[in-house]
Protein backbone atom coordinates (compact mmCIF):
# COMPACT_ATOMS: atom_id res chain seq x y z
CA MET A 1 -14.87 11.94 -4.13
CA LYS A 2 -12.24 9.45 -4.56
CA ARG A 3 -13.17 6.71 -7.12
CA GLU A 4 -11.36 3.51 -8.30
CA GLY A 5 -8.56 4.27 -11.15
CA ASP A 6 -8.69 8.12 -11.10
CA GLY A 7 -5.15 8.35 -9.88
CA ALA A 8 -5.69 10.64 -7.41
CA SER A 9 -4.53 10.14 -3.43
CA PRO A 10 -7.34 10.59 -0.82
CA ARG A 11 -7.58 13.46 1.30
CA GLY A 12 -7.54 12.94 5.05
CA SER A 13 -6.01 11.32 8.12
CA PHE A 14 -5.08 7.74 7.94
CA ALA A 15 -3.95 5.22 10.23
CA VAL A 16 -1.19 2.71 8.71
CA LEU A 17 -2.79 -0.72 9.21
CA ILE A 18 0.09 -3.18 8.09
CA GLY A 19 3.23 -2.90 6.59
CA TYR A 20 4.88 -5.31 3.79
CA TYR A 21 8.19 -5.59 2.76
CA ARG A 22 10.53 -7.64 0.16
CA ASP A 23 12.91 -9.45 2.82
CA ASP A 24 15.30 -9.72 -0.34
CA LYS A 25 15.61 -6.23 -0.68
CA PHE A 26 15.22 -5.04 3.23
CA SER A 27 16.33 -6.80 6.21
CA ARG A 28 13.46 -7.10 9.06
CA LEU A 29 12.58 -3.69 9.53
CA PRO A 30 11.66 -2.56 13.34
CA SER A 31 8.56 -0.98 13.73
CA GLY A 32 5.59 -0.42 15.93
CA VAL A 33 3.30 -1.78 13.43
CA ALA A 34 3.03 -5.10 11.99
CA LEU A 35 5.27 -5.81 9.13
CA ARG A 36 4.65 -9.03 6.95
CA ARG A 37 7.35 -10.26 4.08
CA ILE A 38 5.73 -10.04 0.86
CA ALA A 39 5.63 -13.31 -1.11
CA ARG A 40 6.24 -13.91 -4.77
CA TYR A 41 2.52 -14.50 -5.26
CA ALA A 42 0.98 -11.75 -3.18
CA GLY A 43 -1.90 -9.67 -4.71
CA TRP A 44 -4.26 -6.73 -3.85
CA CYS A 45 -7.53 -6.91 -5.69
CA ASP A 46 -9.10 -3.87 -7.40
CA ALA A 47 -11.77 -5.32 -9.17
CA ALA A 48 -14.66 -3.44 -7.49
CA SER A 49 -17.31 -6.14 -8.17
CA ASP A 50 -15.52 -8.95 -6.67
CA ARG A 51 -15.78 -10.11 -3.00
CA ASN A 52 -12.09 -9.50 -2.12
CA TYR A 53 -11.87 -5.91 -3.53
CA ASN A 54 -9.04 -3.86 -1.43
CA ARG A 55 -7.93 -6.75 0.17
CA PRO A 56 -4.73 -9.00 -0.10
CA VAL A 57 -5.49 -12.00 -2.33
CA GLY A 58 -3.26 -14.71 -3.48
CA LEU A 59 -2.14 -14.55 -7.53
CA PRO A 60 -3.52 -15.56 -9.92
CA TYR A 61 -6.46 -14.25 -9.27
CA ARG A 62 -9.85 -14.70 -11.06
CA ALA A 63 -10.30 -11.06 -11.08
CA SER A 64 -7.81 -8.23 -11.37
CA ALA A 65 -5.47 -7.59 -9.02
CA GLU A 66 -2.20 -5.84 -8.73
CA CYS A 67 0.85 -7.95 -8.17
CA MET A 68 3.00 -6.93 -5.02
CA TRP A 69 5.88 -8.64 -5.69
CA ARG A 70 7.12 -6.20 -8.27
CA ASP A 71 10.06 -5.92 -10.97
CA ASP A 72 10.68 -2.12 -9.64
CA ASP A 73 11.55 -1.34 -6.31
CA LEU A 74 8.00 0.62 -5.41
CA TYR A 75 6.82 -2.14 -3.29
CA ASP A 76 9.97 -3.06 -1.61
CA ALA A 77 8.38 -1.72 1.42
CA VAL A 78 4.56 -0.65 1.47
CA LEU A 79 2.52 0.60 4.15
CA VAL A 80 -1.39 0.02 3.77
CA LEU A 81 -3.39 2.98 4.92
CA ASP A 82 -6.78 2.97 6.49
CA TYR A 83 -8.59 4.37 3.38
CA ASN A 84 -11.54 2.31 2.28
CA VAL A 85 -10.80 -0.67 4.29
CA THR A 86 -13.87 -0.30 7.06
CA PRO A 87 -16.20 -0.07 5.77
CA ARG A 88 -15.29 -0.91 2.06
CA VAL A 89 -17.22 1.11 -0.64
CA ARG A 90 -16.77 -0.81 -3.94
CA GLY A 91 -15.29 1.49 -6.50
CA ALA A 92 -14.20 4.06 -4.15
CA GLY A 93 -10.36 3.29 -4.64
CA SER A 94 -8.03 0.39 -3.66
CA ALA A 95 -4.66 -0.38 -2.89
CA ILE A 96 -3.99 3.15 -1.50
CA PHE A 97 -0.29 2.72 -0.02
CA LEU A 98 2.66 4.69 1.02
CA HIS A 99 5.25 2.89 -0.80
CA ILE A 100 8.77 3.90 -2.52
CA ALA A 101 8.96 6.61 -4.75
CA ARG A 102 10.30 6.20 -8.52
CA GLY A 103 12.91 8.49 -9.83
CA GLY A 104 12.45 11.70 -10.03
CA TYR A 105 9.25 11.24 -7.78
CA GLY A 106 7.12 10.56 -10.85
CA PRO A 107 3.15 10.15 -10.12
CA THR A 108 1.67 7.39 -8.55
CA GLU A 109 -1.76 5.47 -9.11
CA GLY A 110 -3.18 7.68 -6.09
CA CYS A 111 -0.52 6.42 -3.41
CA ILE A 112 1.59 8.16 -1.62
CA ALA A 113 5.63 8.07 -2.28
CA ILE A 114 8.72 8.96 -0.82
CA SER A 115 12.20 7.82 -0.94
CA LYS A 116 13.58 4.31 0.05
CA GLN A 117 15.77 5.90 2.77
CA HIS A 118 12.49 8.07 4.19
CA ILE A 119 10.15 4.82 4.30
CA ARG A 120 12.83 3.23 6.30
CA LEU A 121 13.27 6.12 8.85
CA LEU A 122 8.89 6.28 8.90
CA ILE A 123 8.89 2.50 9.29
CA ALA A 124 11.03 2.46 12.67
CA ARG A 125 9.12 5.26 13.94
CA LEU A 126 5.45 4.14 13.37
CA ARG A 127 3.28 3.19 16.16
CA THR A 128 -0.57 1.83 16.26
CA SER A 129 -1.45 5.14 17.22
CA THR A 130 0.30 6.98 14.45
CA ARG A 131 -2.01 8.97 11.44
CA LEU A 132 -0.82 10.11 8.24
CA ILE A 133 -2.54 13.24 6.95
CA ILE A 134 -3.01 13.92 3.01
CA ARG A 135 -3.69 17.24 1.85
């Protein structure tokens, strides 16, 4: 079972709930799912005891939260998967995204990562009915 901080990706079939992108790195991306610009103050709460666990929050935030506006390119485009969203189980893992891979495809902290070129292609082909299968 996936747990917060274990570094593992969850297995299963997941919808893409929403996408985020940095408008200083990508022009508006066409997609069949909702896309929003990432603001400089955007965060994602990863504190299991907080009421906003596994939800977007504004930074600074009173509890632990991941910064969505990063200095590297990993979150220039991010797709939020429906893992642990409804219902949310505290401690079962947060911020499970599909995002841009590090050089050499280094490991993530539980997310799925692909090249910038492939994420652009995927975003253009997404529909609200799309399911991503992680094995």
